[in-house]
C-alpha atoms as a PDB file:
ATOM      1  CA  MET A   1      -7.144  66.621 -19.118  1.00  0.00           C
ATOM      2  CA  ASP A   2      -4.215  64.814 -17.502  1.00  0.00           C
ATOM      3  CA  LYS A   3      -1.244  63.529 -19.501  1.00  0.00           C
ATOM      4  CA  ASP A   4      -2.297  59.864 -19.281  1.00  0.00           C
ATOM      5  CA  HIS A   5      -5.672  60.728 -20.781  1.00  0.00           C
ATOM      6  CA  VAL A   6      -4.016  62.780 -23.523  1.00  0.00           C
ATOM      7  CA  LEU A   7      -1.745  59.845 -24.356  1.00  0.00           C
ATOM      8  CA  LEU A   8      -4.636  57.394 -24.419  1.00  0.00           C
ATOM      9  CA  LYS A   9      -6.648  59.735 -26.637  1.00  0.00           C
ATOM     10  CA  LEU A  10      -3.753  59.977 -29.114  1.00  0.00           C
ATOM     11  CA  VAL A  11      -3.397  56.192 -29.134  1.00  0.00           C
ATOM     12  CA  LEU A  12      -7.131  55.731 -29.602  1.00  0.00           C
ATOM     13  CA  ASP A  13      -7.050  58.141 -32.534  1.00  0.00           C
ATOM     14  CA  ARG A  14      -4.350  56.014 -34.162  1.00  0.00           C
ATOM     15  CA  ILE A  15      -6.116  52.671 -33.677  1.00  0.00           C
ATOM     16  CA  GLY A  16      -9.450  53.910 -34.977  1.00  0.00           C
ATOM     17  CA  PHE A  17     -11.249  54.819 -31.770  1.00  0.00           C
ATOM     18  CA  GLY A  18     -10.862  58.588 -31.957  1.00  0.00           C
ATOM     19  CA  ASN A  19     -14.510  59.188 -31.181  1.00  0.00           C
ATOM     20  CA  ILE A  20     -14.359  56.482 -28.501  1.00  0.00           C
ATOM     21  CA  ALA A  21     -17.382  54.681 -29.906  1.00  0.00           C
ATOM     22  CA  ILE A  22     -17.500  51.905 -27.325  1.00  0.00           C
ATOM     23  CA  ASP A  23     -21.221  51.517 -26.906  1.00  0.00           C
ATOM     24  CA  ASN A  24     -21.331  47.890 -27.972  1.00  0.00           C
ATOM     25  CA  PHE A  25     -19.578  44.815 -26.659  1.00  0.00           C
ATOM     26  CA  ASN A  26     -17.545  44.081 -29.796  1.00  0.00           C
ATOM     27  CA  ALA A  27     -16.150  47.624 -29.903  1.00  0.00           C
ATOM     28  CA  ARG A  28     -15.057  47.379 -26.265  1.00  0.00           C
ATOM     29  CA  LYS A  29     -13.527  43.961 -26.946  1.00  0.00           C
ATOM     30  CA  ILE A  30     -11.558  45.300 -29.919  1.00  0.00           C
ATOM     31  CA  LEU A  31     -10.353  48.263 -27.872  1.00  0.00           C
ATOM     32  CA  GLN A  32      -9.219  46.027 -25.006  1.00  0.00           C
ATOM     33  CA  LYS A  33      -7.334  43.588 -27.221  1.00  0.00           C
ATOM     34  CA  LYS A  34      -5.663  46.220 -29.406  1.00  0.00           C
ATOM     35  CA  ILE A  35      -4.365  48.073 -26.357  1.00  0.00           C
ATOM     36  CA  TYR A  36      -3.181  44.776 -24.852  1.00  0.00           C
ATOM     37  CA  ILE A  37      -1.269  43.910 -28.031  1.00  0.00           C
ATOM     38  CA  LEU A  38       0.029  47.462 -28.489  1.00  0.00           C
ATOM     39  CA  GLN A  39       1.574  47.288 -25.038  1.00  0.00           C
ATOM     40  CA  LEU A  40       3.377  44.091 -26.081  1.00  0.00           C
ATOM     41  CA  THR A  41       5.163  46.102 -28.776  1.00  0.00           C
ATOM     42  CA  GLY A  42       6.730  48.320 -26.110  1.00  0.00           C
ATOM     43  CA  VAL A  43       4.202  51.128 -25.727  1.00  0.00           C
ATOM     44  CA  ASP A  44       3.558  50.915 -21.991  1.00  0.00           C
ATOM     45  CA  LEU A  45       0.322  52.689 -21.195  1.00  0.00           C
ATOM     46  CA  ASP A  46       0.422  51.142 -17.712  1.00  0.00           C
ATOM     47  CA  TYR A  47      -2.707  49.043 -18.181  1.00  0.00           C
ATOM     48  CA  ARG A  48      -2.555  45.681 -16.453  1.00  0.00           C
ATOM     49  CA  TYR A  49      -4.778  42.855 -17.586  1.00  0.00           C
ATOM     50  CA  ASN A  50      -6.617  40.021 -15.880  1.00  0.00           C
ATOM     51  CA  TRP A  51      -8.056  36.881 -17.406  1.00  0.00           C
ATOM     52  CA  TYR A  52     -11.718  37.314 -18.217  1.00  0.00           C
ATOM     53  CA  LEU A  53     -14.472  35.564 -20.184  1.00  0.00           C
ATOM     54  CA  GLN A  54     -13.312  37.064 -23.493  1.00  0.00           C
ATOM     55  CA  GLY A  55      -9.566  36.914 -22.791  1.00  0.00           C
ATOM     56  CA  PRO A  56      -7.285  39.559 -21.330  1.00  0.00           C
ATOM     57  CA  TYR A  57      -9.292  42.424 -19.853  1.00  0.00           C
ATOM     58  CA  CYS A  58      -8.318  45.601 -18.016  1.00  0.00           C
ATOM     59  CA  PRO A  59     -11.076  47.194 -15.906  1.00  0.00           C
ATOM     60  CA  THR A  60      -8.997  50.365 -15.542  1.00  0.00           C
ATOM     61  CA  LEU A  61      -8.828  50.776 -19.318  1.00  0.00           C
ATOM     62  CA  ALA A  62     -12.598  50.346 -19.600  1.00  0.00           C
ATOM     63  CA  HIS A  63     -13.204  52.957 -16.914  1.00  0.00           C
ATOM     64  CA  THR A  64     -10.660  55.378 -18.388  1.00  0.00           C
ATOM     65  CA  ALA A  65     -12.094  55.043 -21.895  1.00  0.00           C
ATOM     66  CA  PHE A  66     -15.595  55.915 -20.679  1.00  0.00           C
ATOM     67  CA  THR A  67     -14.241  58.820 -18.615  1.00  0.00           C
ATOM     68  CA  LEU A  68     -12.164  60.072 -21.533  1.00  0.00           C
ATOM     69  CA  ARG A  69     -15.157  59.909 -23.842  1.00  0.00           C
ATOM     70  CA  GLU A  70     -16.916  62.412 -21.590  1.00  0.00           C
ATOM     71  CA  GLU A  71     -13.824  64.601 -21.202  1.00  0.00           C
ATOM     72  CA  ILE A  72     -13.274  65.070 -24.933  1.00  0.00           C
ATOM     73  CA  LYS A  73     -16.753  66.506 -25.299  1.00  0.00           C
ATOM     74  CA  TYR A  74     -15.613  69.519 -23.294  1.00  0.00           C
ATOM     75  CA  ASP A  75     -11.846  69.617 -23.666  1.00  0.00           C
ATOM     76  CA  ASP A  76      -9.775  69.599 -26.850  1.00  0.00           C
ATOM     77  CA  GLU A  77      -6.401  69.971 -25.142  1.00  0.00           C
ATOM     78  CA  PHE A  78      -5.232  66.700 -26.701  1.00  0.00           C
ATOM     79  CA  ASN A  79      -5.135  68.481 -30.075  1.00  0.00           C
ATOM     80  CA  LYS A  80      -1.972  70.272 -28.925  1.00  0.00           C
ATOM     81  CA  TYR A  81      -0.040  66.998 -28.691  1.00  0.00           C
ATOM     82  CA  GLU A  82       1.165  64.200 -30.907  1.00  0.00           C
ATOM     83  CA  LEU A  83       2.802  60.848 -30.337  1.00  0.00           C
ATOM     84  CA  ASN A  84       6.589  60.759 -30.526  1.00  0.00           C
ATOM     85  CA  SER A  85       8.256  58.991 -33.456  1.00  0.00           C
ATOM     86  CA  LYS A  86       9.323  55.964 -31.391  1.00  0.00           C
ATOM     87  CA  THR A  87       5.725  55.371 -30.288  1.00  0.00           C
ATOM     88  CA  LYS A  88       4.392  55.969 -33.798  1.00  0.00           C
ATOM     89  CA  SER A  89       6.739  53.301 -35.156  1.00  0.00           C
ATOM     90  CA  LYS A  90       5.225  50.696 -32.820  1.00  0.00           C
ATOM     91  CA  PHE A  91       1.914  50.993 -34.636  1.00  0.00           C
ATOM     92  CA  ASP A  92       3.425  49.403 -37.748  1.00  0.00           C
ATOM     93  CA  THR A  93       4.150  46.307 -35.662  1.00  0.00           C
ATOM     94  CA  LEU A  94       0.679  46.424 -34.139  1.00  0.00           C
ATOM     95  CA  ASP A  95      -0.912  46.664 -37.579  1.00  0.00           C
ATOM     96  CA  LYS A  96       1.023  43.616 -38.825  1.00  0.00           C
ATOM     97  CA  ILE A  97      -0.007  41.555 -35.812  1.00  0.00           C
ATOM     98  CA  VAL A  98      -3.696  42.473 -35.711  1.00  0.00           C
ATOM     99  CA  SER A  99      -4.529  42.534 -39.423  1.00  0.00           C
ATOM    100  CA  LEU A 100      -7.141  39.925 -40.206  1.00  0.00           C
ATOM    101  CA  PRO A 101      -5.812  36.777 -41.858  1.00  0.00           C
ATOM    102  CA  ASP A 102      -7.052  36.370 -45.392  1.00  0.00           C
ATOM    103  CA  THR A 103      -6.791  32.591 -45.255  1.00  0.00           C
ATOM    104  CA  LEU A 104      -9.584  31.935 -42.740  1.00  0.00           C
ATOM    105  CA  GLU A 105     -13.047  33.205 -42.027  1.00  0.00           C
ATOM    106  CA  THR A 106     -13.145  35.224 -38.839  1.00  0.00           C
ATOM    107  CA  ASN A 107     -14.092  38.652 -37.628  1.00  0.00           C
ATOM    108  CA  GLU A 108     -12.025  41.264 -35.863  1.00  0.00           C
ATOM    109  CA  PRO A 109     -13.322  40.684 -32.315  1.00  0.00           C
ATOM    110  CA  GLU A 110     -12.799  36.912 -32.550  1.00  0.00           C
ATOM    111  CA  TRP A 111      -9.353  37.271 -34.173  1.00  0.00           C
ATOM    112  CA  LEU A 112      -8.144  39.723 -31.531  1.00  0.00           C
ATOM    113  CA  GLU A 113      -9.533  37.551 -28.743  1.00  0.00           C
ATOM    114  CA  VAL A 114      -7.604  34.543 -30.046  1.00  0.00           C
ATOM    115  CA  LEU A 115      -4.370  36.525 -30.508  1.00  0.00           C
ATOM    116  CA  ALA A 116      -4.460  38.175 -27.096  1.00  0.00           C
ATOM    117  CA  SER A 117      -5.649  35.030 -25.318  1.00  0.00           C
ATOM    118  CA  LEU A 118      -2.899  32.837 -26.750  1.00  0.00           C
ATOM    119  CA  HIS A 119      -0.270  35.355 -25.711  1.00  0.00           C
ATOM    120  CA  TYR A 120      -1.742  35.768 -22.236  1.00  0.00           C
ATOM    121  CA  LEU A 121      -1.998  32.019 -21.696  1.00  0.00           C
ATOM    122  CA  LYS A 122       1.557  31.473 -22.946  1.00  0.00           C
ATOM    123  CA  HIS A 123       3.264  34.213 -20.945  1.00  0.00           C
ATOM    124  CA  ILE A 124       1.092  35.409 -18.074  1.00  0.00           C
ATOM    125  CA  ALA A 125      -1.186  32.572 -16.959  1.00  0.00           C
ATOM    126  CA  TYR A 126       0.157  30.333 -14.251  1.00  0.00           C
ATOM    127  CA  TRP A 127       1.510  26.971 -15.409  1.00  0.00           C
ATOM    128  CA  ALA A 128       2.380  24.726 -12.465  1.00  0.00           C
ATOM    129  CA  GLY A 129       5.706  23.030 -13.158  1.00  0.00           C
ATOM    130  CA  LYS A 130       5.804  24.305 -16.749  1.00  0.00           C
ATOM    131  CA  ASP A 131       8.471  26.714 -17.889  1.00  0.00           C
ATOM    132  CA  LYS A 132       7.575  27.407 -21.519  1.00  0.00           C
ATOM    133  CA  PRO A 133       4.310  25.889 -22.750  1.00  0.00           C
ATOM    134  CA  GLU A 134       4.061  25.291 -26.486  1.00  0.00           C
ATOM    135  CA  PHE A 135       1.156  25.681 -28.891  1.00  0.00           C
ATOM    136  CA  ASP A 136      -0.638  22.386 -28.169  1.00  0.00           C
ATOM    137  CA  GLU A 137      -0.640  23.001 -24.421  1.00  0.00           C
ATOM    138  CA  VAL A 138      -1.674  26.623 -24.788  1.00  0.00           C
ATOM    139  CA  PHE A 139      -4.469  25.709 -27.193  1.00  0.00           C
ATOM    140  CA  GLU A 140      -5.744  23.086 -24.734  1.00  0.00           C
ATOM    141  CA  LYS A 141      -5.918  25.790 -22.035  1.00  0.00           C
ATOM    142  CA  LEU A 142      -7.694  28.064 -24.500  1.00  0.00           C
ATOM    143  CA  LYS A 143     -10.302  25.375 -25.231  1.00  0.00           C
ATOM    144  CA  GLU A 144     -10.796  24.686 -21.510  1.00  0.00           C
ATOM    145  CA  SER A 145     -11.312  28.316 -20.605  1.00  0.00           C
ATOM    146  CA  LYS A 146     -13.123  29.347 -23.786  1.00  0.00           C
ATOM    147  CA  PRO A 147     -15.277  26.534 -25.153  1.00  0.00           C
ATOM    148  CA  HIS A 148     -16.615  28.869 -27.850  1.00  0.00           C
ATOM    149  CA  LEU A 149     -13.127  28.752 -29.407  1.00  0.00           C
ATOM    150  CA  ALA A 150     -12.669  24.981 -29.139  1.00  0.00           C
ATOM    151  CA  ASP A 151     -13.281  24.489 -32.861  1.00  0.00           C
ATOM    152  CA  LYS A 152     -10.910  27.309 -33.855  1.00  0.00           C
ATOM    153  CA  MET A 153      -7.635  25.384 -33.969  1.00  0.00           C
ATOM    154  CA  ASP A 154      -6.841  26.564 -37.508  1.00  0.00           C
ATOM    155  CA  LEU A 155      -7.428  30.166 -36.469  1.00  0.00           C
ATOM    156  CA  ALA A 156      -5.331  29.672 -33.345  1.00  0.00           C
ATOM    157  CA  LYS A 157      -2.468  28.242 -35.416  1.00  0.00           C
ATOM    158  CA  VAL A 158      -2.493  31.295 -37.686  1.00  0.00           C
ATOM    159  CA  ALA A 159      -2.599  33.554 -34.625  1.00  0.00           C
ATOM    160  CA  TRP A 160       0.307  31.657 -33.039  1.00  0.00           C
ATOM    161  CA  GLU A 161       2.330  32.039 -36.253  1.00  0.00           C
ATOM    162  CA  ARG A 162       1.540  35.755 -36.331  1.00  0.00           C
ATOM    163  CA  LEU A 163       2.683  36.130 -32.718  1.00  0.00           C
ATOM    164  CA  ASP A 164       5.783  34.070 -33.479  1.00  0.00           C
ATOM    165  CA  ASP A 165       6.630  36.167 -36.545  1.00  0.00           C
ATOM    166  CA  ALA A 166       6.447  39.257 -34.346  1.00  0.00           C
ATOM    167  CA  GLY A 167       8.687  37.666 -31.692  1.00  0.00           C
ATOM    168  CA  LEU A 168       5.873  37.323 -29.158  1.00  0.00           C
ATOM    169  CA  VAL A 169       5.913  33.550 -28.744  1.00  0.00           C
ATOM    170  CA  LYS A 170       9.490  33.458 -27.581  1.00  0.00           C
ATOM    171  CA  ASN A 171       9.326  36.798 -25.763  1.00  0.00           C
ATOM    172  CA  LYS A 172       6.677  38.210 -23.463  1.00  0.00           C
ATOM    173  CA  THR A 173       7.113  41.680 -24.994  1.00  0.00           C
ATOM    174  CA  LEU A 174       9.191  43.275 -27.721  1.00  0.00           C
ATOM    175  CA  GLU A 175      10.923  45.659 -25.292  1.00  0.00           C
END
């Protein structure tokens, strides 16, 4: 198993995907969004995201996760390693960002989609003539590209506040 796969396996263990149970769409969506947000905290796993129907998506991550799932059936080399303390500390930030809000009804896949999508639209999507779009503009783009979230303004506001509290509205990443 190569070092990138070992690292991903250790990260997946920490975020609750140790057995890489990604057989359903929601599990794959959660995996994609948690890795996206984890990378914002400064843990660069070298996954680059594109805009997709359900928000930021990395085909390479999807492929690697399926490959890794097969590898761990036959190779337990990753058990010899652990994440360094600096990387481990980033998970506290991740946990604060991705924890479900207790003020609104939502589910984990929807919540993570809103969080990751708002960040992506704010910092990565192309805005002709716009330097720093604010919530209203970003939410309009979210509604345009994701009509299924058009009635989720309250959820988007909570997500925006969560990103802002973490420093991810002002900054693209925390590192």
